[in-house]
Amino acid sequence: MNNTKNIVLAVLLILQAGLVAYLYRPGQNQAPPAAAIIKDLAPESVSALTITDGLGKTLTLTLAKDKDWRISGSDYPADQEKIEALLKKFAAMKASRLVSQTPSSYARLKVADSDFNRKVALEAGGKQIVFYLGTAPSAKSIHLRLAGAKEVYQVSDLAAWEVLAEQDSWWQTKYVNLPAAELSALTIANAQGGIELLHDQQDWRLAGKPDAALDSHPLETLLNAATQVSISSYLPKDFTPKGQPVATITCREAKGGEPLTIQIWDKDKPGDLDQPIKSSASPLYAKVKAYAVKELLAAKADSLLAASPVPEGKDNGKAAPAAPAATAPPAAKAGKSVPPVKERK
C-alpha cells in the first residue's frame, strides 16, 4: 500500500514539475514591448522643431531646401548632428512608465497646457505633434505628456537641458571640418612668414625642401588646427573686421575645386579671449577662441623639421665638463699638535 502511495506521489510530483516548467518556459512571462509615445514618428520626416520654455522664449529650427538645419529668423546654421540625435530620442520614447492620468497633477508635474518647463512642436509629414516636458525625477529622465492626452509618462534618456530655447545652444560650432588626409596642399601666411605643405597621399613635405624630414607631432597639431576649427559664436551679418588679417590659411583638396580660405584677425582689445575669423565656405564671420588658433598664428617652417640625429661616436662638438677635483681636509703640520679650542666663559 505504501509503495503504491509513493508511486502516485512521485507521478504527481513529476507532473507538477512538468507543469511549472511549461508555464515558466523562456519567453512566456515577458511583458509585451512598450509602445512608442509618439506613434510612427520618423526623424527624417521632421522639417521644423519649435521649442518654448517656461518663460515664454521660443526658438524654431527649420530644415532648409539644401537639407541643412537653420535657426529660424537668422542665417545661422544649426548643429545638424545635435538636432538629428534629439529627434531620434523623441522617436524612441516609450510608454513604459505611466505616472499619472489625473489633470490635477499636470501643473505639479509641469506638463500642463499653460504651465510647463518645455513645449515642443514638431512639423512632420504635414502634421503637427505637440508635447510637454516637465519635472525631472532624475538626471536622466523627465515627465512628458502629449497635447490632448491625459497620460503622463516618465521617459528615460532625455533631459530639459537638451531642449533649450537659446540660439547659442543650437549653433553649428564646427566652423571648418576638413579631413586632412584628403588635402593636396596647405598654405599658411602669418607674421612668422609663410609655410607651404604638399601632400602626396602618403607623406607631407615642405615645398622647396622635398628631402627635409618633418616631425610628426607638430605637423599633426598644425594640420588639426587648420582643418578642424570650432567657434565660440557667430558675429552679426553686418560685421566688418578691422585692418588686415594676421593669418591666412589656404586648404586645397586633392579632388580639386575651389580651395578653402580661412582668415583670422587680431583681437579687438588686448584682453579679449576671442578673435574674428572668416571661412570662404561661410557667409558669416565668427569668433574663435585665441588658444584654438595660436598654432596657426605662430607656425613657421623650422618648427616642423625633425631634429637631426647625432652620429654615433660624435660628441656634437661639445666637451663634457670636467668633474670637480676632490678637496682634501688640510693636514696638520708635522711635530705640532692642534691646540684645543678654549671654551668661552
Protein backbone atom coordinates (compact mmCIF):
# COMPACT_ATOMS: atom_id res chain seq x y z
CA MET A 1 0.00 0.00 0.00
CA ASN A 2 2.79 2.37 0.92
CA ASN A 3 4.62 1.54 -2.30
CA THR A 4 1.54 2.36 -4.35
CA LYS A 5 1.09 5.62 -2.48
CA ASN A 6 4.71 6.59 -3.03
CA ILE A 7 4.45 5.84 -6.74
CA VAL A 8 1.34 8.04 -7.03
CA LEU A 9 3.08 10.88 -5.17
CA ALA A 10 6.14 10.58 -7.37
CA VAL A 11 3.99 10.72 -10.51
CA LEU A 12 2.16 13.79 -9.21
CA LEU A 13 5.46 15.46 -8.37
CA ILE A 14 6.76 14.80 -11.87
CA LEU A 15 3.58 16.18 -13.41
CA GLN A 16 3.75 19.25 -11.21
CA ALA A 17 7.38 19.89 -12.16
CA GLY A 18 6.48 19.50 -15.82
CA LEU A 19 3.59 21.95 -15.48
CA VAL A 20 5.83 24.52 -13.77
CA ALA A 21 8.46 24.10 -16.46
CA TYR A 22 5.84 24.60 -19.17
CA LEU A 23 4.25 27.67 -17.59
CA TYR A 24 7.59 29.34 -16.91
CA ARG A 25 9.38 28.38 -20.08
CA PRO A 26 11.50 31.21 -21.62
CA GLY A 27 9.52 33.97 -23.26
CA GLN A 28 6.17 33.17 -21.65
CA ASN A 29 6.24 35.79 -18.90
CA GLN A 30 7.91 38.62 -20.77
CA ALA A 31 5.85 41.76 -20.84
CA PRO A 32 4.92 42.94 -24.32
CA PRO A 33 7.21 45.71 -25.59
CA ALA A 34 6.06 49.20 -24.68
CA ALA A 35 4.53 51.23 -27.47
CA ALA A 36 6.12 54.42 -28.73
CA ILE A 37 4.65 57.55 -27.12
CA ILE A 38 4.71 59.34 -30.48
CA LYS A 39 3.46 56.75 -32.92
CA ASP A 40 5.08 56.39 -36.33
CA LEU A 41 7.47 59.31 -35.84
CA ALA A 42 10.27 59.12 -38.42
CA PRO A 43 13.09 61.54 -37.51
CA GLU A 44 13.88 62.15 -41.18
CA SER A 45 10.31 63.35 -41.79
CA VAL A 46 10.63 66.28 -39.36
CA SER A 47 11.02 69.61 -41.15
CA ALA A 48 10.69 72.02 -38.22
CA LEU A 49 11.19 71.95 -34.47
CA THR A 50 9.86 74.70 -32.19
CA ILE A 51 10.84 74.91 -28.53
CA THR A 52 9.14 77.18 -25.97
CA ASP A 53 10.46 77.38 -22.42
CA GLY A 54 8.58 78.14 -19.23
CA LEU A 55 9.31 81.88 -19.53
CA GLY A 56 7.77 82.12 -22.99
CA LYS A 57 11.00 82.26 -25.01
CA THR A 58 10.58 80.49 -28.34
CA LEU A 59 13.09 79.13 -30.84
CA THR A 60 12.38 77.46 -34.17
CA LEU A 61 14.77 75.25 -36.11
CA THR A 62 13.90 74.61 -39.75
CA LEU A 63 15.20 72.23 -42.38
CA ALA A 64 16.26 74.23 -45.43
CA LYS A 65 15.95 73.11 -49.05
CA ASP A 66 19.62 72.13 -49.03
CA LYS A 67 18.79 69.68 -46.21
CA ASP A 68 20.76 71.73 -43.70
CA TRP A 69 19.15 72.91 -40.47
CA ARG A 70 18.90 76.64 -39.82
CA ILE A 71 17.99 78.73 -36.80
CA SER A 72 14.80 80.45 -37.92
CA GLY A 73 14.97 84.22 -38.22
CA SER A 74 18.71 84.23 -38.91
CA ASP A 75 21.29 82.88 -41.33
CA TYR A 76 22.98 80.95 -38.56
CA PRO A 77 23.48 77.28 -39.41
CA ALA A 78 22.29 74.87 -36.72
CA ASP A 79 24.07 71.81 -35.41
CA GLN A 80 22.64 69.09 -37.62
CA GLU A 81 24.08 66.17 -35.65
CA LYS A 82 22.66 67.50 -32.39
CA ILE A 83 19.19 68.01 -33.89
CA GLU A 84 19.11 64.58 -35.51
CA ALA A 85 20.19 62.93 -32.24
CA LEU A 86 17.38 64.71 -30.36
CA LEU A 87 14.76 63.70 -32.93
CA LYS A 88 15.86 60.08 -32.61
CA LYS A 89 15.34 60.33 -28.86
CA PHE A 90 11.82 61.67 -29.40
CA ALA A 91 11.01 58.77 -31.74
CA ALA A 92 12.41 56.23 -29.25
CA MET A 93 10.37 57.41 -26.22
CA LYS A 94 8.32 54.51 -24.83
CA ALA A 95 5.08 54.45 -22.86
CA SER A 96 6.56 52.04 -20.33
CA ARG A 97 6.22 54.06 -17.13
CA LEU A 98 2.86 55.70 -16.55
CA VAL A 99 3.00 58.35 -13.82
CA SER A 100 -0.45 59.94 -13.82
CA GLN A 101 -3.73 60.28 -15.67
CA THR A 102 -5.16 62.98 -13.43
CA PRO A 103 -5.45 66.53 -14.84
CA SER A 104 -4.96 67.96 -11.34
CA SER A 105 -1.36 66.65 -11.40
CA TYR A 106 -0.37 68.35 -14.66
CA ALA A 107 0.64 71.66 -13.11
CA ARG A 108 2.60 69.95 -10.34
CA LEU A 109 4.46 67.86 -12.92
CA LYS A 110 4.89 70.91 -15.17
CA VAL A 111 3.18 69.34 -18.19
CA ALA A 112 0.00 71.45 -18.29
CA ASP A 113 -1.05 73.35 -21.41
CA SER A 114 -0.17 76.67 -19.78
CA ASP A 115 2.30 75.55 -17.12
CA PHE A 116 5.27 73.60 -18.45
CA ASN A 117 9.04 73.53 -18.49
CA ARG A 118 9.22 72.93 -22.24
CA LYS A 119 6.67 72.86 -25.02
CA VAL A 120 7.87 71.09 -28.15
CA ALA A 121 6.14 71.26 -31.53
CA LEU A 122 7.26 69.10 -34.45
CA GLU A 123 6.27 69.51 -38.10
CA ALA A 124 6.44 66.03 -39.56
CA GLY A 125 4.84 64.66 -42.71
CA GLY A 126 2.39 67.53 -42.99
CA LYS A 127 1.09 67.24 -39.42
CA GLN A 128 1.99 68.90 -36.12
CA ILE A 129 2.93 66.97 -32.99
CA VAL A 130 2.96 68.84 -29.67
CA PHE A 131 4.09 67.58 -26.29
CA TYR A 132 5.15 69.00 -22.93
CA LEU A 133 8.27 68.26 -20.91
CA GLY A 134 8.03 68.82 -17.17
CA THR A 135 9.81 67.96 -13.95
CA ALA A 136 12.78 65.61 -13.82
CA PRO A 137 12.64 62.68 -11.37
CA SER A 138 16.33 62.06 -12.09
CA ALA A 139 19.17 63.46 -14.14
CA LYS A 140 18.38 61.05 -16.99
CA SER A 141 14.59 61.14 -17.08
CA ILE A 142 11.76 63.63 -17.42
CA HIS A 143 7.96 63.74 -17.30
CA LEU A 144 6.15 64.04 -20.63
CA ARG A 145 2.56 64.48 -21.80
CA LEU A 146 1.28 64.62 -25.34
CA ALA A 147 -1.00 67.58 -26.03
CA GLY A 148 -4.60 66.44 -25.82
CA ALA A 149 -3.72 63.23 -23.94
CA LYS A 150 -4.38 62.53 -20.27
CA GLU A 151 -1.42 60.19 -19.65
CA VAL A 152 1.82 61.49 -18.14
CA TYR A 153 4.85 59.27 -18.67
CA GLN A 154 8.33 59.22 -17.24
CA VAL A 155 10.74 58.88 -20.15
CA SER A 156 14.39 57.94 -19.89
CA ASP A 157 17.49 59.25 -21.62
CA LEU A 158 16.14 62.78 -22.01
CA ALA A 159 16.79 65.96 -20.02
CA ALA A 160 15.49 69.54 -20.17
CA TRP A 161 18.98 70.94 -20.89
CA GLU A 162 18.92 69.06 -24.21
CA VAL A 163 15.84 71.04 -25.28
CA LEU A 164 16.78 74.70 -24.82
CA ALA A 165 15.19 77.74 -26.44
CA GLU A 166 18.53 79.60 -26.66
CA GLN A 167 20.09 80.33 -30.06
CA ASP A 168 23.65 79.75 -28.96
CA SER A 169 22.83 76.23 -27.79
CA TRP A 170 21.99 75.24 -31.39
CA TRP A 171 24.71 76.99 -33.39
CA GLN A 172 26.83 74.87 -35.65
CA THR A 173 30.10 75.44 -33.78
CA LYS A 174 32.11 73.25 -36.16
CA TYR A 175 33.10 76.09 -38.49
CA VAL A 176 35.75 74.23 -40.53
CA ASN A 177 35.67 70.46 -40.84
CA LEU A 178 38.02 69.03 -43.45
CA PRO A 179 39.72 65.61 -43.49
CA ALA A 180 43.44 66.42 -43.54
CA ALA A 181 44.12 63.19 -45.43
CA GLU A 182 42.07 64.49 -48.40
CA LEU A 183 44.14 67.66 -48.84
CA SER A 184 46.78 68.08 -51.51
CA ALA A 185 48.28 71.28 -50.09
CA LEU A 186 48.12 73.58 -47.09
CA THR A 187 49.47 77.13 -47.12
CA ILE A 188 49.79 79.38 -44.07
CA ALA A 189 50.78 83.04 -44.23
CA ASN A 190 51.30 84.75 -40.86
CA ALA A 191 53.62 87.17 -39.10
CA GLN A 192 56.32 84.48 -38.96
CA GLY A 193 56.49 84.25 -42.75
CA GLY A 194 54.97 81.52 -44.82
CA ILE A 195 54.58 77.75 -44.86
CA GLU A 196 53.58 75.67 -47.86
CA LEU A 197 52.97 71.99 -47.21
CA LEU A 198 52.41 69.48 -50.01
CA HIS A 199 50.71 66.11 -49.61
CA ASP A 200 51.33 63.16 -51.96
CA GLN A 201 48.69 60.85 -50.43
CA GLN A 202 51.28 59.29 -48.15
CA ASP A 203 53.54 61.93 -46.67
CA TRP A 204 53.58 65.65 -46.09
CA ARG A 205 56.61 67.68 -47.11
CA LEU A 206 57.68 71.29 -47.22
CA ALA A 207 57.59 72.92 -50.64
CA GLY A 208 61.17 73.53 -51.79
CA LYS A 209 62.55 71.04 -49.23
CA PRO A 210 61.39 67.64 -50.50
CA ASP A 211 64.10 65.76 -48.57
CA ALA A 212 63.56 67.51 -45.23
CA ALA A 213 62.13 65.15 -42.61
CA LEU A 214 59.17 66.55 -40.68
CA ASP A 215 58.39 65.99 -37.02
CA SER A 216 55.04 64.18 -36.87
CA HIS A 217 53.85 65.74 -33.60
CA PRO A 218 53.98 69.47 -34.56
CA LEU A 219 52.83 68.55 -38.08
CA GLU A 220 49.68 66.77 -36.83
CA THR A 221 48.98 69.59 -34.38
CA LEU A 222 49.19 72.17 -37.16
CA LEU A 223 47.05 70.14 -39.59
CA ASN A 224 44.38 69.65 -36.95
CA ALA A 225 44.36 73.37 -36.10
CA ALA A 226 43.86 74.26 -39.79
CA THR A 227 41.25 71.66 -40.72
CA GLN A 228 39.16 71.38 -37.51
CA VAL A 229 38.07 74.81 -36.31
CA SER A 230 35.31 75.24 -33.70
CA ILE A 231 33.93 78.70 -33.00
CA SER A 232 32.51 80.21 -29.83
CA SER A 233 29.82 82.31 -31.57
CA TYR A 234 28.76 83.94 -34.81
CA LEU A 235 29.10 87.65 -35.44
CA PRO A 236 26.27 89.88 -36.77
CA LYS A 237 25.62 89.79 -40.51
CA ASP A 238 26.80 93.41 -40.86
CA PHE A 239 30.11 92.80 -39.07
CA THR A 240 33.24 94.22 -40.73
CA PRO A 241 36.70 93.31 -39.39
CA LYS A 242 39.28 95.98 -38.59
CA GLY A 243 42.51 96.05 -40.54
CA GLN A 244 44.17 93.20 -42.36
CA PRO A 245 44.07 89.56 -41.29
CA VAL A 246 47.01 88.40 -39.18
CA ALA A 247 46.90 84.94 -40.76
CA THR A 248 45.53 83.41 -43.96
CA ILE A 249 45.23 79.65 -44.38
CA THR A 250 44.51 78.01 -47.74
CA CYS A 251 43.42 74.38 -47.95
CA ARG A 252 43.42 72.62 -51.32
CA GLU A 253 41.63 69.31 -51.68
CA ALA A 254 43.05 66.52 -53.80
CA LYS A 255 39.75 66.13 -55.63
CA GLY A 256 40.06 69.68 -56.97
CA GLY A 257 37.57 72.51 -56.82
CA GLU A 258 37.89 75.90 -55.18
CA PRO A 259 40.32 75.99 -52.25
CA LEU A 260 39.02 76.79 -48.78
CA THR A 261 40.43 80.01 -47.35
CA ILE A 262 40.43 80.89 -43.65
CA GLN A 263 41.32 84.39 -42.48
CA ILE A 264 42.00 85.37 -38.87
CA TRP A 265 42.08 88.90 -37.50
CA ASP A 266 43.71 90.25 -34.37
CA LYS A 267 41.71 90.74 -31.17
CA ASP A 268 39.71 93.95 -30.89
CA LYS A 269 41.18 94.53 -27.43
CA PRO A 270 44.31 93.04 -25.83
CA GLY A 271 42.29 91.38 -23.07
CA ASP A 272 39.78 89.70 -25.41
CA LEU A 273 39.61 85.91 -25.37
CA ASP A 274 38.20 85.68 -28.91
CA GLN A 275 39.23 86.97 -32.29
CA PRO A 276 37.38 87.28 -35.61
CA ILE A 277 37.61 84.53 -38.18
CA LYS A 278 36.12 84.06 -41.66
CA SER A 279 35.89 80.93 -43.78
CA SER A 280 35.27 81.20 -47.51
CA ALA A 281 32.72 78.39 -47.09
CA SER A 282 30.51 80.50 -44.80
CA PRO A 283 28.78 83.84 -45.40
CA LEU A 284 29.20 84.72 -41.72
CA TYR A 285 32.11 85.98 -39.66
CA ALA A 286 32.57 84.25 -36.34
CA LYS A 287 34.52 84.42 -33.09
CA VAL A 288 37.14 81.82 -32.28
CA LYS A 289 38.98 81.31 -29.02
CA ALA A 290 42.52 82.66 -29.21
CA TYR A 291 44.01 79.43 -27.88
CA ALA A 292 42.33 77.48 -30.71
CA VAL A 293 44.28 79.35 -33.42
CA LYS A 294 47.57 80.06 -31.64
CA GLU A 295 49.28 77.26 -33.59
CA LEU A 296 48.25 78.88 -36.87
CA LEU A 297 49.45 82.32 -35.79
CA ALA A 298 52.81 81.09 -34.50
CA ALA A 299 53.55 78.44 -37.15
CA LYS A 300 56.85 78.61 -39.01
CA ALA A 301 58.61 76.15 -41.27
CA ASP A 302 61.57 75.49 -38.96
CA SER A 303 59.29 74.31 -36.17
CA LEU A 304 58.09 71.43 -38.35
CA LEU A 305 61.54 69.99 -39.11
CA ALA A 306 62.61 66.83 -37.33
CA ALA A 307 65.75 67.06 -35.23
CA SER A 308 68.85 65.71 -36.98
CA PRO A 309 70.19 62.52 -35.32
CA VAL A 310 73.62 62.75 -33.68
CA PRO A 311 76.07 60.34 -35.43
CA GLU A 312 77.35 57.51 -33.26
CA GLY A 313 80.65 58.32 -31.56
CA LYS A 314 80.24 62.05 -32.00
CA ASP A 315 80.07 64.41 -29.05
CA ASN A 316 78.32 67.12 -31.07
CA GLY A 317 81.36 69.37 -30.72
CA LYS A 318 80.93 69.91 -27.03
CA ALA A 319 83.35 68.57 -24.43
CA ALA A 320 81.91 67.13 -21.27
CA PRO A 321 82.53 69.36 -18.29
CA ALA A 322 85.39 68.19 -16.07
CA ALA A 323 84.42 66.72 -12.74
CA PRO A 324 85.35 68.95 -9.84
CA ALA A 325 88.53 67.85 -8.04
CA ALA A 326 88.05 66.32 -4.63
CA THR A 327 89.12 68.67 -1.88
CA ALA A 328 91.02 67.01 0.98
CA PRO A 329 90.91 68.45 4.50
CA PRO A 330 94.06 70.43 5.45
CA ALA A 331 96.67 68.21 7.09
CA ALA A 332 98.23 69.18 10.43
CA LYS A 333 101.87 70.27 10.31
CA ALA A 334 104.40 67.67 11.44
CA GLY A 335 105.64 67.95 15.04
CA LYS A 336 102.85 70.20 16.10
CA SER A 337 99.56 69.34 17.65
CA VAL A 338 96.41 71.25 17.12
CA PRO A 339 95.64 73.23 20.27
CA PRO A 340 92.26 72.61 21.81
CA VAL A 341 89.57 75.21 21.41
CA LYS A 342 89.16 77.18 24.60
CA GLU A 343 85.71 77.29 25.99
CA ARG A 344 84.33 80.78 26.31
CA LYS A 345 83.19 81.80 29.72
